[in-house]
N, C-alpha and C. Protein backbone atom coordinates (compact mmCIF):
# COMPACT_ATOMS: atom_id res chain seq x y z
N MET A 1 37.70 -0.03 -1.71
CA MET A 1 36.91 -0.21 -2.92
C MET A 1 37.64 0.48 -4.07
N THR A 2 37.70 -0.17 -5.22
CA THR A 2 38.40 0.44 -6.34
C THR A 2 37.61 1.64 -6.85
N GLN A 3 38.29 2.49 -7.57
CA GLN A 3 37.65 3.70 -8.09
C GLN A 3 36.46 3.36 -8.99
N THR A 4 36.61 2.35 -9.83
CA THR A 4 35.52 1.95 -10.73
C THR A 4 34.31 1.48 -9.93
N LEU A 5 34.54 0.65 -8.92
CA LEU A 5 33.42 0.17 -8.10
C LEU A 5 32.77 1.31 -7.34
N THR A 6 33.56 2.27 -6.89
CA THR A 6 33.01 3.42 -6.19
C THR A 6 32.11 4.22 -7.12
N ILE A 7 32.57 4.48 -8.31
CA ILE A 7 31.77 5.23 -9.29
C ILE A 7 30.47 4.48 -9.60
N LYS A 8 30.57 3.18 -9.82
CA LYS A 8 29.38 2.39 -10.13
C LYS A 8 28.39 2.41 -8.96
N ARG A 9 28.91 2.28 -7.74
CA ARG A 9 28.04 2.27 -6.57
C ARG A 9 27.29 3.60 -6.47
N HIS A 10 27.99 4.69 -6.64
CA HIS A 10 27.36 6.00 -6.48
C HIS A 10 26.46 6.35 -7.67
N ALA A 11 26.80 5.87 -8.85
CA ALA A 11 25.91 6.05 -10.00
C ALA A 11 24.58 5.35 -9.73
N ALA A 12 24.65 4.17 -9.14
CA ALA A 12 23.43 3.44 -8.80
C ALA A 12 22.64 4.18 -7.71
N LEU A 13 23.34 4.76 -6.74
CA LEU A 13 22.66 5.51 -5.69
C LEU A 13 21.96 6.74 -6.26
N VAL A 14 22.62 7.44 -7.17
CA VAL A 14 22.00 8.61 -7.81
C VAL A 14 20.76 8.17 -8.58
N ASP A 15 20.87 7.10 -9.32
CA ASP A 15 19.72 6.61 -10.10
C ASP A 15 18.58 6.18 -9.18
N ARG A 16 18.90 5.46 -8.11
CA ARG A 16 17.86 5.02 -7.17
C ARG A 16 17.21 6.20 -6.47
N MET A 17 17.98 7.21 -6.12
CA MET A 17 17.43 8.39 -5.47
C MET A 17 16.45 9.08 -6.42
N ALA A 18 16.85 9.22 -7.67
CA ALA A 18 15.96 9.83 -8.66
C ALA A 18 14.66 9.03 -8.78
N GLU A 19 14.77 7.72 -8.91
CA GLU A 19 13.58 6.87 -9.02
C GLU A 19 12.69 7.02 -7.80
N THR A 20 13.28 7.06 -6.62
CA THR A 20 12.53 7.19 -5.38
C THR A 20 11.75 8.49 -5.36
N LEU A 21 12.30 9.52 -5.99
CA LEU A 21 11.65 10.82 -6.04
C LEU A 21 10.71 10.97 -7.25
N GLY A 22 10.60 9.91 -8.04
CA GLY A 22 9.71 9.95 -9.20
C GLY A 22 10.33 10.65 -10.41
N ILE A 23 11.64 10.71 -10.45
CA ILE A 23 12.35 11.37 -11.54
C ILE A 23 12.95 10.31 -12.45
N ASP A 24 12.64 10.39 -13.73
CA ASP A 24 13.21 9.49 -14.73
C ASP A 24 14.39 10.23 -15.37
N LEU A 25 15.60 9.92 -14.94
CA LEU A 25 16.77 10.63 -15.43
C LEU A 25 16.98 10.46 -16.93
N GLU A 26 16.68 9.29 -17.44
CA GLU A 26 16.84 9.07 -18.88
C GLU A 26 15.90 9.98 -19.66
N GLU A 27 14.65 10.04 -19.24
CA GLU A 27 13.67 10.89 -19.91
C GLU A 27 14.03 12.36 -19.74
N ALA A 28 14.47 12.73 -18.55
CA ALA A 28 14.87 14.13 -18.31
C ALA A 28 16.03 14.52 -19.21
N THR A 29 16.94 13.58 -19.45
CA THR A 29 18.07 13.85 -20.34
C THR A 29 17.58 13.98 -21.78
N LEU A 30 16.72 13.06 -22.21
CA LEU A 30 16.20 13.10 -23.58
C LEU A 30 15.42 14.38 -23.85
N GLN A 31 14.73 14.89 -22.85
CA GLN A 31 13.93 16.11 -23.01
C GLN A 31 14.74 17.38 -22.78
N GLY A 32 16.00 17.22 -22.46
CA GLY A 32 16.87 18.38 -22.29
C GLY A 32 16.78 19.07 -20.94
N PHE A 33 16.17 18.40 -19.96
CA PHE A 33 16.08 19.00 -18.63
C PHE A 33 17.37 18.85 -17.85
N VAL A 34 18.15 17.86 -18.20
CA VAL A 34 19.44 17.64 -17.53
C VAL A 34 20.48 17.22 -18.57
N LEU A 35 21.64 17.79 -18.49
CA LEU A 35 22.72 17.45 -19.41
C LEU A 35 23.50 16.24 -18.88
N PRO A 36 24.03 15.41 -19.77
CA PRO A 36 24.83 14.27 -19.32
C PRO A 36 25.96 14.68 -18.38
N ASP A 37 26.61 15.81 -18.66
CA ASP A 37 27.69 16.28 -17.77
C ASP A 37 27.17 16.60 -16.37
N THR A 38 25.94 17.07 -16.29
CA THR A 38 25.35 17.36 -14.99
C THR A 38 25.16 16.08 -14.19
N LEU A 39 24.78 15.01 -14.87
CA LEU A 39 24.64 13.72 -14.20
C LEU A 39 25.99 13.19 -13.75
N THR A 40 26.99 13.37 -14.60
CA THR A 40 28.35 12.96 -14.21
C THR A 40 28.78 13.70 -12.96
N ASP A 41 28.53 15.00 -12.92
CA ASP A 41 28.88 15.80 -11.74
C ASP A 41 28.10 15.33 -10.52
N ALA A 42 26.84 14.94 -10.70
CA ALA A 42 26.03 14.46 -9.58
C ALA A 42 26.63 13.18 -9.00
N VAL A 43 27.07 12.29 -9.86
CA VAL A 43 27.69 11.04 -9.39
C VAL A 43 28.99 11.36 -8.65
N LEU A 44 29.78 12.26 -9.20
CA LEU A 44 31.04 12.62 -8.53
C LEU A 44 30.78 13.29 -7.18
N ARG A 45 29.74 14.15 -7.11
CA ARG A 45 29.37 14.75 -5.82
C ARG A 45 28.98 13.66 -4.83
N CYS A 46 28.25 12.69 -5.31
CA CYS A 46 27.80 11.58 -4.47
C CYS A 46 28.98 10.78 -3.92
N THR A 47 30.05 10.64 -4.71
CA THR A 47 31.20 9.88 -4.23
C THR A 47 31.86 10.56 -3.03
N GLY A 48 31.61 11.84 -2.84
CA GLY A 48 32.15 12.56 -1.70
C GLY A 48 31.32 12.42 -0.44
N CYS A 49 30.24 11.68 -0.52
CA CYS A 49 29.35 11.48 0.64
C CYS A 49 30.07 10.63 1.69
N SER A 50 29.91 11.05 2.93
CA SER A 50 30.54 10.30 4.02
C SER A 50 29.65 9.18 4.56
N ASN A 51 28.42 9.07 4.03
CA ASN A 51 27.50 8.09 4.57
C ASN A 51 26.70 7.37 3.48
N PRO A 52 27.36 6.72 2.51
CA PRO A 52 26.60 6.02 1.48
C PRO A 52 25.76 4.86 2.02
N ASP A 53 26.22 4.24 3.12
CA ASP A 53 25.42 3.16 3.71
C ASP A 53 24.11 3.73 4.28
N GLY A 54 24.19 4.92 4.87
CA GLY A 54 22.98 5.58 5.37
C GLY A 54 22.03 5.91 4.23
N CYS A 55 22.58 6.30 3.11
CA CYS A 55 21.76 6.58 1.93
C CYS A 55 21.05 5.31 1.46
N THR A 56 21.80 4.22 1.41
CA THR A 56 21.22 2.94 1.00
C THR A 56 20.08 2.55 1.93
N GLN A 57 20.29 2.72 3.23
CA GLN A 57 19.23 2.41 4.20
C GLN A 57 18.02 3.32 4.00
N TRP A 58 18.27 4.61 3.76
CA TRP A 58 17.17 5.55 3.53
C TRP A 58 16.38 5.13 2.30
N LEU A 59 17.09 4.79 1.23
CA LEU A 59 16.42 4.37 0.00
C LEU A 59 15.57 3.11 0.24
N GLN A 60 16.09 2.17 1.01
CA GLN A 60 15.33 0.95 1.30
C GLN A 60 14.07 1.28 2.09
N SER A 61 14.17 2.21 3.02
CA SER A 61 13.00 2.55 3.84
C SER A 61 12.01 3.46 3.13
N HIS A 62 12.38 3.97 1.95
CA HIS A 62 11.49 4.82 1.17
C HIS A 62 11.23 4.21 -0.21
N SER A 63 11.17 2.89 -0.26
CA SER A 63 10.99 2.21 -1.54
C SER A 63 9.66 2.55 -2.21
N ALA A 64 8.70 3.02 -1.42
CA ALA A 64 7.41 3.40 -1.99
C ALA A 64 7.43 4.82 -2.56
N GLY A 65 8.53 5.52 -2.35
CA GLY A 65 8.67 6.88 -2.88
C GLY A 65 8.87 7.89 -1.78
N ALA A 66 9.28 9.08 -2.19
CA ALA A 66 9.52 10.17 -1.25
C ALA A 66 9.34 11.49 -1.96
N GLU A 67 9.08 12.52 -1.19
CA GLU A 67 8.90 13.86 -1.74
C GLU A 67 10.20 14.61 -1.88
N ALA A 68 11.18 14.27 -1.05
CA ALA A 68 12.46 14.98 -1.06
C ALA A 68 13.57 14.03 -0.62
N THR A 69 14.80 14.42 -0.90
CA THR A 69 15.96 13.64 -0.49
C THR A 69 16.18 13.79 1.01
N PRO A 70 16.95 12.89 1.60
CA PRO A 70 17.34 13.10 3.00
C PRO A 70 18.29 14.30 3.08
N SER A 71 18.37 14.89 4.24
CA SER A 71 19.19 16.11 4.40
C SER A 71 20.66 15.87 4.07
N MET A 72 21.12 14.63 4.18
CA MET A 72 22.53 14.34 3.91
C MET A 72 22.87 14.29 2.42
N CYS A 73 21.86 14.29 1.55
CA CYS A 73 22.10 14.11 0.12
C CYS A 73 22.79 15.33 -0.47
N ARG A 74 23.93 15.10 -1.08
CA ARG A 74 24.72 16.17 -1.69
C ARG A 74 24.10 16.64 -3.01
N ASN A 75 23.10 15.93 -3.51
CA ASN A 75 22.42 16.30 -4.75
C ASN A 75 20.98 16.73 -4.51
N GLY A 76 20.66 17.05 -3.28
CA GLY A 76 19.29 17.44 -2.95
C GLY A 76 18.77 18.59 -3.80
N ASP A 77 19.59 19.63 -3.99
CA ASP A 77 19.15 20.78 -4.79
C ASP A 77 18.90 20.39 -6.24
N LEU A 78 19.75 19.57 -6.79
CA LEU A 78 19.59 19.11 -8.16
C LEU A 78 18.27 18.35 -8.32
N PHE A 79 18.02 17.41 -7.42
CA PHE A 79 16.79 16.63 -7.50
C PHE A 79 15.56 17.51 -7.28
N ALA A 80 15.64 18.48 -6.39
CA ALA A 80 14.51 19.39 -6.14
C ALA A 80 14.19 20.19 -7.40
N MET A 81 15.22 20.67 -8.09
CA MET A 81 14.98 21.43 -9.32
C MET A 81 14.35 20.55 -10.39
N LEU A 82 14.84 19.32 -10.53
CA LEU A 82 14.25 18.41 -11.52
C LEU A 82 12.80 18.09 -11.19
N ARG A 83 12.51 17.89 -9.91
CA ARG A 83 11.12 17.62 -9.50
C ARG A 83 10.21 18.80 -9.79
N ASP A 84 10.78 20.01 -9.74
CA ASP A 84 10.01 21.22 -10.02
C ASP A 84 9.94 21.53 -11.51
N GLY A 85 10.50 20.64 -12.33
CA GLY A 85 10.45 20.83 -13.78
C GLY A 85 11.43 21.84 -14.32
N LYS A 86 12.47 22.14 -13.56
CA LYS A 86 13.47 23.12 -13.99
C LYS A 86 14.59 22.41 -14.74
N ARG A 87 15.17 23.11 -15.68
CA ARG A 87 16.33 22.59 -16.41
C ARG A 87 17.58 22.82 -15.61
N VAL A 88 18.43 21.80 -15.55
CA VAL A 88 19.67 21.92 -14.77
C VAL A 88 20.85 21.54 -15.62
């Protein structure tokens, strides 16, 4: 997979994970809870995941929502802080 496609795939996974957890990343950014650079870092962390297909399957099986990320998520702490209303 080319680098651009990899980045796009993982950006979509980060966005879907946030949505699944009830987090609106755009709104969080506008309100200053998350910096754009933090989101860039989250996508880059995600690209280091050894199981993006497992993540995709997890997201499909939790389409109705979830309270927390799967244990394999490299951005679990980030999403937990955002869910708790903390600035990251």
